């Protein structure tokens, strides 16, 4: 896996990226980088980190499963944390699937989107990613390359017009 190339491509796309080792560093990075309230995708990795967040005094967080769908609208989510299915260093793209349909639907709503990429899936080639996404059972796959941006008005780049204005990617190695 070429973490250096992935981090370079993320930076070029105006996203922030960090390499994180172990659950303690992951909890620390979330506590430092996340705006509150913090909404976590229902994923085993994030359930493991939740007690560590609470131990750091982060109390404004919840899991999507605890939030009624009608309350999970735009403007109520400062930061959404999801776990990516993979990343492509060549393009700096992240692959998000419908593992959690509500998270998938809400991925364009928060002001800040933090995506955790498991290290073993952070070095996909474009060909591998295309093959893998073609086999995704739900058929719902998003490829993200940086925060939402548009230049429709006066050819001025605007971040966050149709989605998150800030994207933080944490390349995660569970070994501490």
N, C-alpha and C. Protein backbone atom coordinates (compact mmCIF):
# COMPACT_ATOMS: atom_id res chain seq x y z
N UNK A 1 0.84 -1.19 0.00
CA UNK A 1 0.00 0.00 0.00
C UNK A 1 0.88 1.23 0.00
N UNK A 2 0.55 2.18 -0.81
CA UNK A 2 1.32 3.40 -0.89
C UNK A 2 0.57 4.51 -0.15
N UNK A 3 0.74 4.54 1.17
CA UNK A 3 0.05 5.54 1.99
C UNK A 3 0.49 6.95 1.62
N UNK A 4 1.78 7.10 1.30
CA UNK A 4 2.29 8.42 0.96
C UNK A 4 1.57 8.97 -0.28
N UNK A 5 1.40 8.13 -1.31
CA UNK A 5 0.71 8.56 -2.52
C UNK A 5 -0.75 8.89 -2.22
N UNK A 6 -1.41 8.05 -1.44
CA UNK A 6 -2.81 8.32 -1.08
C UNK A 6 -2.92 9.65 -0.35
N UNK A 7 -2.05 9.90 0.60
CA UNK A 7 -2.09 11.17 1.34
C UNK A 7 -1.81 12.36 0.42
N UNK A 8 -0.89 12.20 -0.53
CA UNK A 8 -0.62 13.28 -1.50
C UNK A 8 -1.85 13.57 -2.35
N UNK A 9 -2.49 12.53 -2.85
CA UNK A 9 -3.68 12.72 -3.70
C UNK A 9 -4.83 13.33 -2.90
N UNK A 10 -4.98 12.93 -1.65
CA UNK A 10 -6.02 13.52 -0.80
C UNK A 10 -5.77 15.01 -0.62
N UNK A 11 -4.51 15.36 -0.37
CA UNK A 11 -4.16 16.77 -0.20
C UNK A 11 -4.46 17.56 -1.48
N UNK A 12 -4.12 16.98 -2.64
CA UNK A 12 -4.41 17.65 -3.91
C UNK A 12 -5.91 17.89 -4.09
N UNK A 13 -6.72 16.99 -3.54
CA UNK A 13 -8.18 17.11 -3.65
C UNK A 13 -8.76 17.95 -2.51
N UNK A 14 -7.90 18.59 -1.71
CA UNK A 14 -8.30 19.46 -0.61
C UNK A 14 -8.93 18.71 0.55
N UNK A 15 -8.48 17.47 0.75
CA UNK A 15 -8.88 16.67 1.91
C UNK A 15 -7.67 16.52 2.82
N UNK A 16 -7.93 16.28 4.09
CA UNK A 16 -6.85 16.02 5.05
C UNK A 16 -6.73 14.53 5.25
N UNK A 17 -5.54 14.06 5.47
CA UNK A 17 -5.32 12.64 5.69
C UNK A 17 -4.24 12.39 6.72
N UNK A 18 -4.44 11.34 7.49
CA UNK A 18 -3.50 10.95 8.54
C UNK A 18 -3.39 9.43 8.58
N UNK A 19 -2.24 8.94 8.98
CA UNK A 19 -2.09 7.52 9.27
C UNK A 19 -2.26 7.34 10.78
N UNK A 20 -3.07 6.39 11.17
CA UNK A 20 -3.40 6.15 12.57
C UNK A 20 -3.07 4.70 12.90
N UNK A 21 -2.45 4.48 14.07
CA UNK A 21 -2.13 3.12 14.50
C UNK A 21 -2.82 2.85 15.83
N UNK A 22 -3.69 1.86 15.86
CA UNK A 22 -4.34 1.42 17.09
C UNK A 22 -5.56 2.22 17.48
N UNK A 23 -6.44 1.60 18.27
CA UNK A 23 -7.69 2.24 18.68
C UNK A 23 -7.49 3.52 19.50
N UNK A 24 -6.44 3.58 20.32
CA UNK A 24 -6.20 4.77 21.13
C UNK A 24 -5.92 5.98 20.23
N UNK A 25 -5.05 5.80 19.23
CA UNK A 25 -4.76 6.91 18.31
C UNK A 25 -5.99 7.27 17.49
N UNK A 26 -6.79 6.27 17.12
CA UNK A 26 -8.01 6.55 16.37
C UNK A 26 -8.97 7.41 17.20
N UNK A 27 -9.17 7.04 18.45
CA UNK A 27 -10.04 7.82 19.32
C UNK A 27 -9.49 9.24 19.50
N UNK A 28 -8.19 9.36 19.65
CA UNK A 28 -7.58 10.68 19.81
C UNK A 28 -7.78 11.53 18.56
N UNK A 29 -7.57 10.92 17.38
CA UNK A 29 -7.75 11.66 16.12
C UNK A 29 -9.19 12.10 15.96
N UNK A 30 -10.15 11.24 16.29
CA UNK A 30 -11.56 11.63 16.20
C UNK A 30 -11.88 12.76 17.17
N UNK A 31 -11.36 12.66 18.39
CA UNK A 31 -11.61 13.71 19.39
C UNK A 31 -11.03 15.05 18.94
N UNK A 32 -9.88 15.02 18.27
CA UNK A 32 -9.22 16.26 17.85
C UNK A 32 -9.80 16.85 16.57
N UNK A 33 -10.25 16.01 15.65
CA UNK A 33 -10.66 16.49 14.33
C UNK A 33 -12.16 16.62 14.14
N UNK A 34 -12.94 16.07 15.02
CA UNK A 34 -14.39 16.02 14.79
C UNK A 34 -15.10 17.23 15.37
N UNK A 35 -16.01 17.76 14.57
CA UNK A 35 -16.93 18.76 15.08
C UNK A 35 -18.08 18.04 15.77
N UNK A 36 -18.70 18.68 16.73
CA UNK A 36 -19.78 18.03 17.48
C UNK A 36 -21.12 18.61 17.07
N UNK A 37 -22.20 17.85 17.07
CA UNK A 37 -22.26 16.45 17.46
C UNK A 37 -21.66 15.52 16.41
N UNK A 38 -21.23 14.39 16.90
CA UNK A 38 -20.54 13.39 16.11
C UNK A 38 -21.47 12.20 15.90
N UNK A 39 -21.67 11.83 14.65
CA UNK A 39 -22.54 10.70 14.33
C UNK A 39 -21.68 9.60 13.74
N UNK A 40 -21.76 8.41 14.33
CA UNK A 40 -20.93 7.28 13.93
C UNK A 40 -21.75 6.25 13.17
N UNK A 41 -21.19 5.78 12.07
CA UNK A 41 -21.80 4.67 11.34
C UNK A 41 -21.79 3.44 12.24
N UNK A 42 -22.80 2.58 12.10
CA UNK A 42 -22.82 1.34 12.86
C UNK A 42 -21.83 0.36 12.24
N UNK A 43 -20.66 0.33 12.82
CA UNK A 43 -19.58 -0.51 12.31
C UNK A 43 -18.81 -1.02 13.53
N UNK A 44 -18.40 -2.29 13.53
CA UNK A 44 -17.68 -2.84 14.70
C UNK A 44 -16.47 -2.01 15.11
N UNK A 45 -15.75 -1.48 14.16
CA UNK A 45 -14.58 -0.67 14.46
C UNK A 45 -14.96 0.57 15.28
N UNK A 46 -16.07 1.19 14.92
CA UNK A 46 -16.50 2.40 15.63
C UNK A 46 -17.12 2.06 16.98
N UNK A 47 -17.76 0.90 17.10
CA UNK A 47 -18.27 0.47 18.40
C UNK A 47 -17.11 0.22 19.37
N UNK A 48 -15.99 -0.26 18.84
CA UNK A 48 -14.80 -0.49 19.67
C UNK A 48 -14.20 0.83 20.16
N UNK A 49 -14.28 1.86 19.35
CA UNK A 49 -13.67 3.15 19.69
C UNK A 49 -14.57 4.01 20.58
N UNK A 50 -15.87 3.76 20.58
CA UNK A 50 -16.81 4.60 21.34
C UNK A 50 -16.44 4.77 22.81
N UNK A 51 -16.12 3.70 23.54
CA UNK A 51 -15.75 3.90 24.95
C UNK A 51 -14.48 4.76 25.11
N UNK A 52 -13.57 4.68 24.15
CA UNK A 52 -12.36 5.48 24.21
C UNK A 52 -12.66 6.96 23.96
N UNK A 53 -13.66 7.22 23.12
CA UNK A 53 -14.10 8.61 22.91
C UNK A 53 -14.70 9.17 24.20
N UNK A 54 -15.56 8.37 24.81
CA UNK A 54 -16.20 8.80 26.06
C UNK A 54 -15.15 9.06 27.14
N UNK A 55 -14.12 8.21 27.20
CA UNK A 55 -13.06 8.39 28.19
C UNK A 55 -12.28 9.68 27.96
N UNK A 56 -12.31 10.18 26.72
CA UNK A 56 -11.62 11.45 26.39
C UNK A 56 -12.55 12.65 26.57
N UNK A 57 -13.74 12.41 27.08
CA UNK A 57 -14.67 13.51 27.33
C UNK A 57 -15.54 13.89 26.16
N UNK A 58 -15.49 13.12 25.09
CA UNK A 58 -16.37 13.38 23.95
C UNK A 58 -17.72 12.77 24.28
N UNK A 59 -18.69 13.62 24.61
CA UNK A 59 -20.00 13.11 25.01
C UNK A 59 -21.07 13.35 23.96
N UNK A 60 -20.81 14.22 23.01
CA UNK A 60 -21.80 14.51 21.98
C UNK A 60 -21.58 13.61 20.76
N UNK A 61 -21.78 12.30 20.96
CA UNK A 61 -21.71 11.38 19.84
C UNK A 61 -22.78 10.32 20.00
N UNK A 62 -23.15 9.74 18.87
CA UNK A 62 -24.15 8.69 18.88
C UNK A 62 -23.96 7.84 17.64
N UNK A 63 -24.59 6.67 17.65
CA UNK A 63 -24.58 5.80 16.49
C UNK A 63 -25.84 6.03 15.68
N UNK A 64 -25.72 5.84 14.38
CA UNK A 64 -26.88 6.02 13.50
C UNK A 64 -28.07 5.19 13.94
N UNK A 65 -27.82 3.99 14.47
CA UNK A 65 -28.93 3.12 14.89
C UNK A 65 -29.75 3.75 16.01
N UNK A 66 -29.17 4.67 16.76
CA UNK A 66 -29.88 5.31 17.87
C UNK A 66 -30.61 6.57 17.43
N UNK A 67 -30.45 6.97 16.19
CA UNK A 67 -31.06 8.21 15.71
C UNK A 67 -32.24 7.91 14.79
N UNK A 68 -33.42 8.42 15.12
CA UNK A 68 -34.55 8.23 14.21
C UNK A 68 -34.24 8.85 12.84
N UNK A 69 -34.59 8.14 11.78
CA UNK A 69 -34.26 8.58 10.42
C UNK A 69 -34.79 9.99 10.13
N UNK A 70 -35.96 10.35 10.70
CA UNK A 70 -36.52 11.67 10.42
C UNK A 70 -35.75 12.79 11.13
N UNK A 71 -34.91 12.45 12.10
CA UNK A 71 -34.10 13.46 12.79
C UNK A 71 -32.70 13.56 12.21
N UNK A 72 -32.37 12.69 11.30
CA UNK A 72 -31.02 12.66 10.73
C UNK A 72 -30.97 13.48 9.46
N UNK A 73 -31.32 14.73 9.58
CA UNK A 73 -31.35 15.59 8.40
C UNK A 73 -30.17 16.52 8.32
N UNK A 74 -30.09 17.23 7.22
CA UNK A 74 -29.01 18.19 7.03
C UNK A 74 -29.08 19.27 8.11
N UNK A 75 -27.93 19.69 8.55
CA UNK A 75 -27.85 20.74 9.55
C UNK A 75 -27.79 20.20 10.96
N UNK A 76 -28.19 18.94 11.17
CA UNK A 76 -28.14 18.37 12.50
C UNK A 76 -26.90 17.51 12.71
N UNK A 77 -26.11 17.31 11.67
CA UNK A 77 -24.93 16.48 11.77
C UNK A 77 -23.71 17.35 11.50
N UNK A 78 -22.91 17.58 12.54
CA UNK A 78 -21.68 18.34 12.34
C UNK A 78 -20.64 17.45 11.67
N UNK A 79 -20.51 16.22 12.18
CA UNK A 79 -19.50 15.29 11.65
C UNK A 79 -20.09 13.90 11.54
N UNK A 80 -19.94 13.29 10.38
CA UNK A 80 -20.33 11.90 10.16
C UNK A 80 -19.05 11.09 9.99
N UNK A 81 -18.94 10.01 10.75
CA UNK A 81 -17.77 9.13 10.67
C UNK A 81 -18.21 7.82 10.06
N UNK A 82 -17.53 7.44 8.98
CA UNK A 82 -17.84 6.19 8.28
C UNK A 82 -16.55 5.40 8.06
N UNK A 83 -16.72 4.12 7.78
CA UNK A 83 -15.59 3.26 7.45
C UNK A 83 -15.70 2.93 5.97
N UNK A 84 -14.64 3.23 5.23
CA UNK A 84 -14.64 3.01 3.78
C UNK A 84 -14.42 1.53 3.47
N UNK A 85 -14.89 1.15 2.30
CA UNK A 85 -14.63 -0.20 1.81
C UNK A 85 -13.23 -0.29 1.21
N UNK A 86 -12.65 0.85 0.85
CA UNK A 86 -11.31 0.86 0.29
C UNK A 86 -10.92 2.23 -0.22
N UNK A 87 -9.69 2.33 -0.69
CA UNK A 87 -9.17 3.59 -1.25
C UNK A 87 -8.23 3.28 -2.40
N UNK A 88 -8.15 4.22 -3.33
CA UNK A 88 -7.32 4.08 -4.52
C UNK A 88 -6.27 5.19 -4.48
N UNK A 89 -5.03 4.87 -4.10
CA UNK A 89 -4.00 5.90 -4.01
C UNK A 89 -3.78 6.64 -5.33
N UNK A 90 -3.86 5.94 -6.44
CA UNK A 90 -3.63 6.54 -7.76
C UNK A 90 -4.49 7.77 -8.00
N UNK A 91 -5.73 7.75 -7.52
CA UNK A 91 -6.66 8.86 -7.75
C UNK A 91 -7.02 9.61 -6.46
N UNK A 92 -6.68 9.05 -5.31
CA UNK A 92 -7.08 9.65 -4.04
C UNK A 92 -8.55 9.44 -3.75
N UNK A 93 -9.15 8.44 -4.37
CA UNK A 93 -10.59 8.19 -4.21
C UNK A 93 -10.86 7.19 -3.09
N UNK A 94 -11.99 7.39 -2.44
CA UNK A 94 -12.46 6.51 -1.37
C UNK A 94 -13.72 5.82 -1.85
N UNK A 95 -13.90 4.57 -1.44
CA UNK A 95 -15.07 3.80 -1.85
C UNK A 95 -15.97 3.63 -0.64
N UNK A 96 -17.20 4.12 -0.76
CA UNK A 96 -18.21 4.01 0.29
C UNK A 96 -19.33 3.13 -0.25
N UNK A 97 -19.76 2.16 0.57
CA UNK A 97 -20.84 1.27 0.14
C UNK A 97 -22.07 1.45 1.01
N UNK A 98 -23.11 0.74 0.66
CA UNK A 98 -24.38 0.84 1.38
C UNK A 98 -24.45 -0.15 2.53
N UNK A 99 -23.31 -0.47 3.14
CA UNK A 99 -23.30 -1.38 4.29
C UNK A 99 -24.30 -0.86 5.34
N UNK A 100 -24.35 0.45 5.49
CA UNK A 100 -25.32 1.09 6.37
C UNK A 100 -26.13 2.05 5.50
N UNK A 101 -27.34 1.65 5.07
CA UNK A 101 -28.11 2.50 4.15
C UNK A 101 -28.32 3.92 4.65
N UNK A 102 -28.55 4.11 5.94
CA UNK A 102 -28.76 5.47 6.44
C UNK A 102 -27.47 6.28 6.35
N UNK A 103 -26.35 5.66 6.68
CA UNK A 103 -25.07 6.37 6.56
C UNK A 103 -24.79 6.72 5.11
N UNK A 104 -25.08 5.80 4.23
CA UNK A 104 -24.86 6.03 2.79
C UNK A 104 -25.70 7.22 2.32
N UNK A 105 -26.96 7.25 2.75
CA UNK A 105 -27.87 8.34 2.37
C UNK A 105 -27.44 9.68 2.96
N UNK A 106 -26.91 9.65 4.18
CA UNK A 106 -26.53 10.88 4.87
C UNK A 106 -25.13 11.36 4.55
N UNK A 107 -24.38 10.61 3.75
CA UNK A 107 -22.98 10.95 3.55
C UNK A 107 -22.78 12.32 2.91
N UNK A 108 -23.80 12.88 2.28
CA UNK A 108 -23.68 14.21 1.71
C UNK A 108 -24.19 15.31 2.61
N UNK A 109 -24.66 14.98 3.80
CA UNK A 109 -25.30 15.97 4.67
C UNK A 109 -24.40 16.67 5.69
N UNK A 110 -23.39 16.03 6.23
CA UNK A 110 -22.66 16.70 7.31
C UNK A 110 -21.76 17.82 6.80
N UNK A 111 -21.39 18.70 7.70
CA UNK A 111 -20.42 19.75 7.36
C UNK A 111 -19.03 19.12 7.22
N UNK A 112 -18.78 18.10 8.02
CA UNK A 112 -17.49 17.42 7.99
C UNK A 112 -17.73 15.92 7.86
N UNK A 113 -16.94 15.29 7.03
CA UNK A 113 -17.04 13.85 6.82
C UNK A 113 -15.68 13.25 7.16
N UNK A 114 -15.66 12.35 8.13
CA UNK A 114 -14.43 11.65 8.47
C UNK A 114 -14.60 10.21 7.99
N UNK A 115 -13.64 9.77 7.20
CA UNK A 115 -13.71 8.42 6.66
C UNK A 115 -12.47 7.66 7.10
N UNK A 116 -12.72 6.52 7.72
CA UNK A 116 -11.65 5.64 8.17
C UNK A 116 -11.44 4.59 7.09
N UNK A 117 -10.21 4.47 6.63
CA UNK A 117 -9.87 3.46 5.62
C UNK A 117 -8.99 2.41 6.28
N UNK A 118 -9.49 1.18 6.41
CA UNK A 118 -8.63 0.13 6.95
C UNK A 118 -7.38 -0.02 6.08
N UNK A 119 -6.22 -0.09 6.72
CA UNK A 119 -4.95 -0.09 6.01
C UNK A 119 -4.89 -1.18 4.93
N UNK A 120 -5.45 -2.35 5.21
CA UNK A 120 -5.37 -3.45 4.23
C UNK A 120 -6.21 -3.19 2.98
N UNK A 121 -7.11 -2.18 3.01
CA UNK A 121 -7.94 -1.85 1.85
C UNK A 121 -7.57 -0.48 1.27
N UNK A 122 -6.46 0.09 1.73
CA UNK A 122 -6.11 1.45 1.33
C UNK A 122 -5.17 1.50 0.12
N UNK A 123 -4.90 0.37 -0.49
CA UNK A 123 -3.98 0.36 -1.61
C UNK A 123 -4.54 -0.30 -2.85
N UNK A 124 -5.84 -0.12 -3.11
CA UNK A 124 -6.45 -0.74 -4.28
C UNK A 124 -5.99 -0.05 -5.56
N UNK A 125 -5.81 -0.84 -6.61
CA UNK A 125 -5.59 -0.24 -7.92
C UNK A 125 -6.95 0.13 -8.49
N UNK A 126 -6.96 0.93 -9.51
CA UNK A 126 -8.21 1.31 -10.15
C UNK A 126 -8.92 0.07 -10.68
N UNK A 127 -8.18 -0.85 -11.29
CA UNK A 127 -8.77 -2.08 -11.82
C UNK A 127 -9.38 -2.93 -10.70
N UNK A 128 -8.68 -3.07 -9.57
CA UNK A 128 -9.22 -3.82 -8.44
C UNK A 128 -10.49 -3.18 -7.91
N UNK A 129 -10.49 -1.86 -7.80
CA UNK A 129 -11.67 -1.15 -7.28
C UNK A 129 -12.87 -1.33 -8.21
N UNK A 130 -12.64 -1.25 -9.51
CA UNK A 130 -13.74 -1.44 -10.47
C UNK A 130 -14.30 -2.86 -10.39
N UNK A 131 -13.43 -3.83 -10.29
CA UNK A 131 -13.86 -5.23 -10.17
C UNK A 131 -14.65 -5.42 -8.88
N UNK A 132 -14.11 -4.89 -7.79
CA UNK A 132 -14.77 -5.06 -6.49
C UNK A 132 -16.14 -4.37 -6.47
N UNK A 133 -16.22 -3.14 -6.96
CA UNK A 133 -17.50 -2.43 -6.91
C UNK A 133 -18.54 -3.07 -7.82
N UNK A 134 -18.11 -3.69 -8.90
CA UNK A 134 -19.06 -4.39 -9.78
C UNK A 134 -19.70 -5.57 -9.07
N UNK A 135 -19.04 -6.09 -8.05
CA UNK A 135 -19.55 -7.25 -7.32
C UNK A 135 -20.29 -6.86 -6.05
N UNK A 136 -20.38 -5.58 -5.74
CA UNK A 136 -21.08 -5.13 -4.53
C UNK A 136 -22.55 -5.52 -4.63
N UNK A 137 -23.05 -6.36 -3.71
CA UNK A 137 -24.43 -6.88 -3.82
C UNK A 137 -25.51 -5.80 -3.85
N UNK A 138 -25.33 -4.72 -3.09
CA UNK A 138 -26.38 -3.70 -3.04
C UNK A 138 -26.40 -2.86 -4.30
N UNK A 139 -25.27 -2.78 -4.99
CA UNK A 139 -25.18 -1.91 -6.16
C UNK A 139 -25.03 -0.45 -5.81
N UNK A 140 -25.04 -0.13 -4.52
CA UNK A 140 -24.91 1.26 -4.07
C UNK A 140 -23.47 1.51 -3.63
N UNK A 141 -22.73 2.20 -4.47
CA UNK A 141 -21.33 2.50 -4.20
C UNK A 141 -21.07 3.95 -4.58
N UNK A 142 -20.40 4.67 -3.69
CA UNK A 142 -19.97 6.04 -4.01
C UNK A 142 -18.46 6.08 -4.00
N UNK A 143 -17.93 6.84 -4.92
CA UNK A 143 -16.49 7.11 -4.94
C UNK A 143 -16.34 8.59 -4.59
N UNK A 144 -15.62 8.87 -3.52
CA UNK A 144 -15.39 10.24 -3.10
C UNK A 144 -13.94 10.62 -3.36
N UNK A 145 -13.73 11.78 -3.92
CA UNK A 145 -12.38 12.30 -4.12
C UNK A 145 -12.39 13.73 -3.61
N UNK A 146 -12.12 13.88 -2.33
CA UNK A 146 -12.09 15.20 -1.71
C UNK A 146 -13.47 15.65 -1.28
N UNK A 147 -13.53 16.82 -0.64
CA UNK A 147 -14.81 17.37 -0.20
C UNK A 147 -15.66 17.78 -1.40
N UNK A 148 -16.95 17.96 -1.18
CA UNK A 148 -17.85 18.42 -2.23
C UNK A 148 -17.38 19.79 -2.72
N UNK A 149 -17.36 19.96 -4.02
CA UNK A 149 -16.95 21.26 -4.57
C UNK A 149 -17.65 21.53 -5.89
N UNK A 150 -17.82 22.80 -6.14
CA UNK A 150 -18.41 23.24 -7.39
C UNK A 150 -17.79 24.58 -7.77
N UNK A 151 -17.84 24.89 -9.04
CA UNK A 151 -17.36 26.20 -9.51
C UNK A 151 -18.38 26.74 -10.51
N UNK A 152 -19.65 26.44 -10.27
CA UNK A 152 -20.72 26.86 -11.18
C UNK A 152 -20.96 28.37 -11.18
N UNK A 153 -20.72 29.01 -10.04
CA UNK A 153 -21.05 30.42 -9.92
C UNK A 153 -19.79 31.25 -10.09
N UNK A 154 -19.77 32.04 -11.14
CA UNK A 154 -18.65 32.94 -11.39
C UNK A 154 -17.31 32.22 -11.47
N UNK A 155 -17.34 30.92 -11.73
CA UNK A 155 -16.13 30.11 -11.82
C UNK A 155 -15.27 30.21 -10.56
N UNK A 156 -15.94 30.40 -9.41
CA UNK A 156 -15.27 30.46 -8.13
C UNK A 156 -15.50 29.14 -7.40
N UNK A 157 -14.41 28.50 -6.98
CA UNK A 157 -14.52 27.22 -6.30
C UNK A 157 -15.19 27.40 -4.94
N UNK A 158 -16.24 26.60 -4.71
CA UNK A 158 -16.97 26.62 -3.45
C UNK A 158 -16.97 25.21 -2.89
N UNK A 159 -16.49 25.06 -1.65
CA UNK A 159 -16.49 23.76 -0.99
C UNK A 159 -17.78 23.60 -0.19
N UNK A 160 -18.32 22.39 -0.19
CA UNK A 160 -19.49 22.08 0.62
C UNK A 160 -20.82 22.45 0.02
N UNK A 161 -20.87 22.76 -1.26
CA UNK A 161 -22.13 23.18 -1.87
C UNK A 161 -23.14 22.04 -1.95
N UNK A 162 -22.69 20.84 -2.25
CA UNK A 162 -23.61 19.69 -2.36
C UNK A 162 -23.20 18.55 -1.45
N UNK A 163 -22.49 18.83 -0.41
CA UNK A 163 -22.05 17.79 0.50
C UNK A 163 -21.11 18.38 1.53
N UNK A 164 -20.33 17.51 2.12
CA UNK A 164 -19.41 17.95 3.17
C UNK A 164 -18.40 18.95 2.63
N UNK A 165 -18.14 19.99 3.43
CA UNK A 165 -17.14 20.97 3.01
C UNK A 165 -15.75 20.59 3.51
N UNK A 166 -15.68 19.60 4.38
CA UNK A 166 -14.42 19.14 4.92
C UNK A 166 -14.39 17.63 4.92
N UNK A 167 -13.29 17.05 4.41
CA UNK A 167 -13.12 15.60 4.40
C UNK A 167 -11.80 15.27 5.08
N UNK A 168 -11.88 14.42 6.10
CA UNK A 168 -10.69 13.95 6.80
C UNK A 168 -10.65 12.44 6.63
N UNK A 169 -9.51 11.94 6.16
CA UNK A 169 -9.35 10.51 5.93
C UNK A 169 -8.31 9.98 6.90
N UNK A 170 -8.68 8.94 7.63
CA UNK A 170 -7.78 8.31 8.58
C UNK A 170 -7.45 6.91 8.07
N UNK A 171 -6.21 6.71 7.67
CA UNK A 171 -5.75 5.39 7.23
C UNK A 171 -5.43 4.63 8.51
N UNK A 172 -6.18 3.57 8.77
CA UNK A 172 -6.17 2.93 10.09
C UNK A 172 -5.52 1.56 10.07
N UNK A 173 -4.48 1.43 10.91
CA UNK A 173 -3.83 0.15 11.17
C UNK A 173 -4.24 -0.25 12.59
N UNK A 174 -4.96 -1.36 12.78
CA UNK A 174 -5.44 -1.71 14.11
C UNK A 174 -4.35 -2.14 15.07
N UNK A 175 -3.17 -2.46 14.58
CA UNK A 175 -2.08 -2.91 15.46
C UNK A 175 -1.50 -1.73 16.20
N UNK A 176 -1.45 -1.81 17.52
CA UNK A 176 -0.87 -0.71 18.29
C UNK A 176 0.44 -1.06 18.90
